[in-house]
Amino acid sequence: MSQAPFHSTIGVDIAKKKFDVASLIASKYKHKVFDNNEAGYIAFIAWFLSLYTANQGL
């Protein structure tokens, strides 16, 4: 069984110490702030993948 493509709109605002990410998936808005360092990048990837996993059935 093939899955439908995953579509998401992402906006990123990067500052010196933090970065904000906004996501729009299936008309649902999510926002999160991450530290602008390696741990923050890893946390962002984990967060984004969790959005993907939660919305696979779309």
N, C-alpha and C. Protein backbone atom coordinates (compact mmCIF):
# COMPACT_ATOMS: atom_id res chain seq x y z
N MET A 1 0.85 -1.18 0.00
CA MET A 1 0.00 0.00 0.00
C MET A 1 0.89 1.24 0.00
N SER A 2 0.68 2.12 -0.96
CA SER A 2 1.50 3.32 -1.02
C SER A 2 0.86 4.44 -0.21
N GLN A 3 1.71 5.33 0.27
CA GLN A 3 1.24 6.44 1.08
C GLN A 3 1.13 7.69 0.22
N ALA A 4 0.19 8.55 0.57
CA ALA A 4 0.06 9.83 -0.11
C ALA A 4 1.25 10.70 0.23
N PRO A 5 1.64 11.60 -0.66
CA PRO A 5 2.76 12.50 -0.35
C PRO A 5 2.46 13.35 0.88
N PHE A 6 3.49 13.68 1.60
CA PHE A 6 3.38 14.52 2.80
C PHE A 6 3.69 15.95 2.40
N HIS A 7 2.75 16.86 2.64
CA HIS A 7 2.95 18.27 2.30
C HIS A 7 2.88 19.11 3.57
N SER A 8 3.86 19.97 3.73
CA SER A 8 3.92 20.85 4.88
C SER A 8 4.53 22.17 4.46
N THR A 9 4.05 23.23 5.05
CA THR A 9 4.66 24.55 4.86
C THR A 9 5.36 24.90 6.16
N ILE A 10 6.63 25.26 6.04
CA ILE A 10 7.46 25.56 7.21
C ILE A 10 8.00 26.99 7.08
N GLY A 11 7.95 27.73 8.16
CA GLY A 11 8.57 29.05 8.23
C GLY A 11 9.58 29.05 9.36
N VAL A 12 10.74 29.62 9.12
CA VAL A 12 11.81 29.61 10.13
C VAL A 12 12.34 31.04 10.30
N ASP A 13 12.47 31.46 11.56
CA ASP A 13 13.06 32.76 11.89
C ASP A 13 14.27 32.48 12.78
N ILE A 14 15.46 32.73 12.25
CA ILE A 14 16.68 32.38 12.97
C ILE A 14 17.28 33.63 13.60
N ALA A 15 17.58 33.52 14.88
CA ALA A 15 18.26 34.58 15.62
C ALA A 15 19.56 34.01 16.19
N LYS A 16 20.28 34.81 16.91
CA LYS A 16 21.59 34.40 17.42
C LYS A 16 21.49 33.23 18.40
N LYS A 17 20.52 33.28 19.33
CA LYS A 17 20.44 32.26 20.37
C LYS A 17 19.31 31.26 20.17
N LYS A 18 18.28 31.63 19.43
CA LYS A 18 17.09 30.78 19.26
C LYS A 18 16.65 30.80 17.81
N PHE A 19 15.82 29.83 17.44
CA PHE A 19 15.11 29.92 16.18
C PHE A 19 13.68 29.42 16.35
N ASP A 20 12.76 30.15 15.73
CA ASP A 20 11.34 29.84 15.79
C ASP A 20 10.96 29.11 14.51
N VAL A 21 10.11 28.10 14.66
CA VAL A 21 9.63 27.36 13.50
C VAL A 21 8.11 27.32 13.57
N ALA A 22 7.48 27.65 12.47
CA ALA A 22 6.04 27.53 12.34
C ALA A 22 5.76 26.52 11.24
N SER A 23 4.77 25.66 11.47
CA SER A 23 4.43 24.62 10.51
C SER A 23 2.93 24.65 10.24
N LEU A 24 2.56 24.49 8.99
CA LEU A 24 1.17 24.37 8.60
C LEU A 24 1.00 23.05 7.87
N ILE A 25 0.29 22.13 8.52
CA ILE A 25 0.04 20.81 7.96
C ILE A 25 -1.47 20.56 8.04
N ALA A 26 -2.09 20.31 6.90
CA ALA A 26 -3.52 20.01 6.86
C ALA A 26 -4.33 21.06 7.63
N SER A 27 -4.03 22.32 7.40
CA SER A 27 -4.71 23.45 8.03
C SER A 27 -4.51 23.52 9.54
N LYS A 28 -3.52 22.81 10.06
CA LYS A 28 -3.20 22.87 11.50
C LYS A 28 -1.88 23.61 11.67
N TYR A 29 -1.91 24.67 12.49
CA TYR A 29 -0.74 25.50 12.74
C TYR A 29 -0.04 25.03 14.01
N LYS A 30 1.26 24.84 13.92
CA LYS A 30 2.09 24.50 15.09
C LYS A 30 3.27 25.46 15.12
N HIS A 31 3.72 25.79 16.34
CA HIS A 31 4.85 26.71 16.51
C HIS A 31 5.72 26.20 17.64
N LYS A 32 7.01 26.33 17.46
CA LYS A 32 7.93 25.90 18.52
C LYS A 32 9.22 26.71 18.41
N VAL A 33 9.89 26.91 19.54
CA VAL A 33 11.15 27.65 19.61
C VAL A 33 12.25 26.67 20.03
N PHE A 34 13.40 26.76 19.35
CA PHE A 34 14.53 25.88 19.62
C PHE A 34 15.79 26.70 19.86
N ASP A 35 16.72 26.15 20.62
CA ASP A 35 18.02 26.79 20.79
C ASP A 35 18.79 26.70 19.48
N ASN A 36 19.53 27.76 19.16
CA ASN A 36 20.31 27.79 17.92
C ASN A 36 21.68 27.16 18.17
N ASN A 37 21.65 25.84 18.35
CA ASN A 37 22.88 25.06 18.53
C ASN A 37 22.58 23.62 18.08
N GLU A 38 23.54 22.75 18.20
CA GLU A 38 23.36 21.38 17.71
C GLU A 38 22.20 20.67 18.40
N ALA A 39 22.05 20.84 19.70
CA ALA A 39 20.94 20.20 20.42
C ALA A 39 19.60 20.73 19.91
N GLY A 40 19.54 22.01 19.61
CA GLY A 40 18.31 22.59 19.07
C GLY A 40 17.98 22.06 17.69
N TYR A 41 19.00 21.85 16.85
CA TYR A 41 18.77 21.30 15.51
C TYR A 41 18.24 19.87 15.62
N ILE A 42 18.81 19.11 16.52
CA ILE A 42 18.35 17.72 16.73
C ILE A 42 16.91 17.72 17.25
N ALA A 43 16.61 18.62 18.17
CA ALA A 43 15.25 18.71 18.70
C ALA A 43 14.26 19.12 17.61
N PHE A 44 14.68 20.04 16.73
CA PHE A 44 13.82 20.44 15.62
C PHE A 44 13.51 19.27 14.70
N ILE A 45 14.52 18.51 14.34
CA ILE A 45 14.32 17.35 13.46
C ILE A 45 13.37 16.35 14.12
N ALA A 46 13.57 16.08 15.40
CA ALA A 46 12.68 15.15 16.11
C ALA A 46 11.26 15.68 16.13
N TRP A 47 11.08 16.98 16.37
CA TRP A 47 9.75 17.58 16.40
C TRP A 47 9.09 17.49 15.03
N PHE A 48 9.84 17.83 13.99
CA PHE A 48 9.26 17.78 12.65
C PHE A 48 8.89 16.35 12.26
N LEU A 49 9.74 15.39 12.57
CA LEU A 49 9.41 14.00 12.27
C LEU A 49 8.18 13.53 13.05
N SER A 50 8.00 14.04 14.27
CA SER A 50 6.81 13.67 15.04
C SER A 50 5.55 14.23 14.37
N LEU A 51 5.65 15.42 13.77
CA LEU A 51 4.51 15.96 13.02
C LEU A 51 4.20 15.10 11.82
N TYR A 52 5.24 14.67 11.14
CA TYR A 52 5.07 13.79 9.98
C TYR A 52 4.39 12.49 10.39
N THR A 53 4.88 11.87 11.44
CA THR A 53 4.33 10.60 11.92
C THR A 53 2.86 10.76 12.32
N ALA A 54 2.55 11.85 13.00
CA ALA A 54 1.17 12.10 13.45
C ALA A 54 0.22 12.36 12.29
N ASN A 55 0.75 12.77 11.14
CA ASN A 55 -0.11 13.14 10.01
C ASN A 55 0.05 12.24 8.80
N GLN A 56 0.58 11.03 8.97
CA GLN A 56 0.79 10.14 7.84
C GLN A 56 -0.51 9.74 7.15
N GLY A 57 -1.58 9.69 7.86
CA GLY A 57 -2.84 9.24 7.27
C GLY A 57 -3.55 10.30 6.45
N LEU A 58 -2.97 11.48 6.30
CA LEU A 58 -3.65 12.55 5.57
C LEU A 58 -3.67 12.26 4.10
